[in-house]
Amino acid sequence: MSDETAGELATEWLTTPDLVEVLGEPLGRVRRLIAEQYLVGSTRNGPFAVPSIFIVDGRPLASLRGTIMALADAGLSDDEAIDWLFTEEAELGRTPIAALLDGHKSSVRRIARTLA
């Protein structure tokens, strides 16, 4: 997936200062959310940024952390994990991030575990 495609699907990328504002959390807490894999981001387009779609109702998408961990366990880098989340998955009939947003985390994680 190209950087442009991932960016279009995410609509917007949030930098760390943006995350502080959107989440209403101090910088230290935002950094902890990233370090503890509640959020995943990329520096491929410049400064570190997180796809805005990963934030739902002012909080990190609840099902994202376990999925990120499963993808990391499968050996994917953060950039590869983001690309995978935004790439159409035939078994799901949509992108994994769309399935997570619809509450289908078990199906997404099952497929993520097969990537290893």
C-alpha atoms as a PDB file:
ATOM      1  CA  MET A   1       0.000   0.000   0.000  1.00  0.00           C
ATOM      2  CA  SER A   2       1.329   3.410  -0.827  1.00  0.00           C
ATOM      3  CA  ASP A   3       1.743   6.111   1.779  1.00  0.00           C
ATOM      4  CA  GLU A   4      -0.862   8.134  -0.093  1.00  0.00           C
ATOM      5  CA  THR A   5      -3.457   5.352   0.078  1.00  0.00           C
ATOM      6  CA  ALA A   6      -2.978   4.816   3.812  1.00  0.00           C
ATOM      7  CA  GLY A   7      -3.251   8.559   4.347  1.00  0.00           C
ATOM      8  CA  GLU A   8      -6.442   8.800   2.301  1.00  0.00           C
ATOM      9  CA  LEU A   9      -8.079   5.957   4.188  1.00  0.00           C
ATOM     10  CA  ALA A  10      -7.105   7.406   7.541  1.00  0.00           C
ATOM     11  CA  THR A  11      -8.388  10.794   6.353  1.00  0.00           C
ATOM     12  CA  GLU A  12      -5.975  12.541   8.664  1.00  0.00           C
ATOM     13  CA  TRP A  13      -2.774  11.783  10.552  1.00  0.00           C
ATOM     14  CA  LEU A  14      -2.442  13.126  14.079  1.00  0.00           C
ATOM     15  CA  THR A  15       0.971  14.216  15.349  1.00  0.00           C
ATOM     16  CA  THR A  16       1.852  13.886  19.022  1.00  0.00           C
ATOM     17  CA  PRO A  17       0.685  17.465  19.812  1.00  0.00           C
ATOM     18  CA  ASP A  18      -2.576  16.703  17.957  1.00  0.00           C
ATOM     19  CA  LEU A  19      -3.018  13.549  20.061  1.00  0.00           C
ATOM     20  CA  VAL A  20      -2.522  15.539  23.270  1.00  0.00           C
ATOM     21  CA  GLU A  21      -5.342  17.836  22.164  1.00  0.00           C
ATOM     22  CA  VAL A  22      -7.712  15.174  20.776  1.00  0.00           C
ATOM     23  CA  LEU A  23      -7.283  12.788  23.705  1.00  0.00           C
ATOM     24  CA  GLY A  24      -7.218  15.546  26.318  1.00  0.00           C
ATOM     25  CA  GLU A  25      -4.248  13.832  27.953  1.00  0.00           C
ATOM     26  CA  PRO A  26      -0.818  15.167  28.938  1.00  0.00           C
ATOM     27  CA  LEU A  27       2.129  14.402  26.677  1.00  0.00           C
ATOM     28  CA  GLY A  28       3.509  11.770  29.064  1.00  0.00           C
ATOM     29  CA  ARG A  29       0.223   9.837  29.002  1.00  0.00           C
ATOM     30  CA  VAL A  30       0.056  10.021  25.181  1.00  0.00           C
ATOM     31  CA  ARG A  31       3.603   8.670  24.942  1.00  0.00           C
ATOM     32  CA  ARG A  32       2.655   5.856  27.334  1.00  0.00           C
ATOM     33  CA  LEU A  33      -0.377   4.946  25.183  1.00  0.00           C
ATOM     34  CA  ILE A  34       1.975   4.628  22.220  1.00  0.00           C
ATOM     35  CA  ALA A  35       4.655   2.716  24.150  1.00  0.00           C
ATOM     36  CA  GLU A  36       2.038   0.311  25.536  1.00  0.00           C
ATOM     37  CA  GLN A  37       0.646  -0.263  22.014  1.00  0.00           C
ATOM     38  CA  TYR A  38      -2.770   1.299  22.550  1.00  0.00           C
ATOM     39  CA  LEU A  39      -1.866   3.353  19.473  1.00  0.00           C
ATOM     40  CA  VAL A  40       0.529   2.789  16.600  1.00  0.00           C
ATOM     41  CA  GLY A  41       1.985   5.402  14.312  1.00  0.00           C
ATOM     42  CA  SER A  42       4.559   6.082  11.648  1.00  0.00           C
ATOM     43  CA  THR A  43       7.314   8.531  10.737  1.00  0.00           C
ATOM     44  CA  ARG A  44       7.315   7.640   7.029  1.00  0.00           C
ATOM     45  CA  ASN A  45       5.694  10.961   6.064  1.00  0.00           C
ATOM     46  CA  GLY A  46       7.704  13.164   8.427  1.00  0.00           C
ATOM     47  CA  PRO A  47       7.051  13.575  12.144  1.00  0.00           C
ATOM     48  CA  PHE A  48       5.539  10.701  14.108  1.00  0.00           C
ATOM     49  CA  ALA A  49       1.798  10.542  13.466  1.00  0.00           C
ATOM     50  CA  VAL A  50      -1.124   8.211  14.132  1.00  0.00           C
ATOM     51  CA  PRO A  51      -4.052   7.656  11.734  1.00  0.00           C
ATOM     52  CA  SER A  52      -7.001   9.622  13.104  1.00  0.00           C
ATOM     53  CA  ILE A  53      -9.321   6.667  12.532  1.00  0.00           C
ATOM     54  CA  PHE A  54      -7.579   4.940  15.467  1.00  0.00           C
ATOM     55  CA  ILE A  55      -9.271   7.464  17.807  1.00  0.00           C
ATOM     56  CA  VAL A  56     -12.962   6.872  18.521  1.00  0.00           C
ATOM     57  CA  ASP A  57     -14.958   9.183  20.792  1.00  0.00           C
ATOM     58  CA  GLY A  58     -11.783  10.799  22.095  1.00  0.00           C
ATOM     59  CA  ARG A  59     -10.138   7.490  23.083  1.00  0.00           C
ATOM     60  CA  PRO A  60      -7.939   4.947  21.314  1.00  0.00           C
ATOM     61  CA  LEU A  61     -10.052   2.281  19.573  1.00  0.00           C
ATOM     62  CA  ALA A  62     -10.416  -0.353  22.302  1.00  0.00           C
ATOM     63  CA  SER A  63      -9.798  -3.348  20.036  1.00  0.00           C
ATOM     64  CA  LEU A  64      -6.675  -1.836  18.475  1.00  0.00           C
ATOM     65  CA  ARG A  65      -4.167  -2.742  21.207  1.00  0.00           C
ATOM     66  CA  GLY A  66      -4.618  -6.517  21.050  1.00  0.00           C
ATOM     67  CA  THR A  67      -4.561  -6.380  17.276  1.00  0.00           C
ATOM     68  CA  ILE A  68      -1.340  -4.355  17.252  1.00  0.00           C
ATOM     69  CA  MET A  69       0.192  -6.866  19.649  1.00  0.00           C
ATOM     70  CA  ALA A  70      -0.871  -9.801  17.436  1.00  0.00           C
ATOM     71  CA  LEU A  71       0.641  -8.086  14.395  1.00  0.00           C
ATOM     72  CA  ALA A  72       3.881  -7.359  16.283  1.00  0.00           C
ATOM     73  CA  ASP A  73       3.997 -11.014  17.390  1.00  0.00           C
ATOM     74  CA  ALA A  74       3.656 -11.958  13.712  1.00  0.00           C
ATOM     75  CA  GLY A  75       6.796  -9.918  13.024  1.00  0.00           C
ATOM     76  CA  LEU A  76       5.220  -6.851  11.404  1.00  0.00           C
ATOM     77  CA  SER A  77       6.782  -3.438  11.945  1.00  0.00           C
ATOM     78  CA  ASP A  78       4.547  -0.513  12.921  1.00  0.00           C
ATOM     79  CA  ASP A  79       4.426   0.669   9.295  1.00  0.00           C
ATOM     80  CA  GLU A  80       3.572  -2.833   8.077  1.00  0.00           C
ATOM     81  CA  ALA A  81       0.865  -3.159  10.748  1.00  0.00           C
ATOM     82  CA  ILE A  82      -0.714   0.128   9.688  1.00  0.00           C
ATOM     83  CA  ASP A  83      -0.588  -0.923   6.029  1.00  0.00           C
ATOM     84  CA  TRP A  84      -2.181  -4.291   6.877  1.00  0.00           C
ATOM     85  CA  LEU A  85      -4.973  -2.596   8.843  1.00  0.00           C
ATOM     86  CA  PHE A  86      -5.837  -0.478   5.786  1.00  0.00           C
ATOM     87  CA  THR A  87      -5.527  -3.201   3.138  1.00  0.00           C
ATOM     88  CA  GLU A  88      -8.623  -5.040   1.943  1.00  0.00           C
ATOM     89  CA  GLU A  89      -8.682  -8.533   3.470  1.00  0.00           C
ATOM     90  CA  ALA A  90     -10.611 -11.069   1.358  1.00  0.00           C
ATOM     91  CA  GLU A  91     -11.619 -13.207   4.327  1.00  0.00           C
ATOM     92  CA  LEU A  92     -13.176 -10.169   6.044  1.00  0.00           C
ATOM     93  CA  GLY A  93     -14.602  -8.670   2.856  1.00  0.00           C
ATOM     94  CA  ARG A  94     -13.230  -5.280   3.919  1.00  0.00           C
ATOM     95  CA  THR A  95     -10.215  -3.749   5.584  1.00  0.00           C
ATOM     96  CA  PRO A  96      -9.244  -4.982   9.050  1.00  0.00           C
ATOM     97  CA  ILE A  97      -9.657  -1.474  10.502  1.00  0.00           C
ATOM     98  CA  ALA A  98     -13.232  -1.345   9.156  1.00  0.00           C
ATOM     99  CA  ALA A  99     -13.916  -4.726  10.768  1.00  0.00           C
ATOM    100  CA  LEU A 100     -12.471  -3.516  14.087  1.00  0.00           C
ATOM    101  CA  LEU A 101     -14.623  -0.404  13.948  1.00  0.00           C
ATOM    102  CA  ASP A 102     -17.645  -2.671  13.406  1.00  0.00           C
ATOM    103  CA  GLY A 103     -16.728  -4.759  16.468  1.00  0.00           C
ATOM    104  CA  HIS A 104     -15.274  -7.836  14.757  1.00  0.00           C
ATOM    105  CA  LYS A 105     -11.979  -8.019  16.645  1.00  0.00           C
ATOM    106  CA  SER A 106     -11.914 -11.821  16.960  1.00  0.00           C
ATOM    107  CA  SER A 107     -11.997 -12.321  13.190  1.00  0.00           C
ATOM    108  CA  VAL A 108      -9.332  -9.669  12.650  1.00  0.00           C
ATOM    109  CA  ARG A 109      -7.018 -11.105  15.301  1.00  0.00           C
ATOM    110  CA  ARG A 110      -7.493 -14.653  14.013  1.00  0.00           C
ATOM    111  CA  ILE A 111      -6.256 -13.548  10.616  1.00  0.00           C
ATOM    112  CA  ALA A 112      -3.455 -11.445  12.153  1.00  0.00           C
ATOM    113  CA  ARG A 113      -2.151 -14.518  14.019  1.00  0.00           C
ATOM    114  CA  THR A 114      -1.855 -16.436  10.731  1.00  0.00           C
ATOM    115  CA  LEU A 115       0.601 -13.870   9.343  1.00  0.00           C
ATOM    116  CA  ALA A 116       3.535 -15.234  11.369  1.00  0.00           C
END
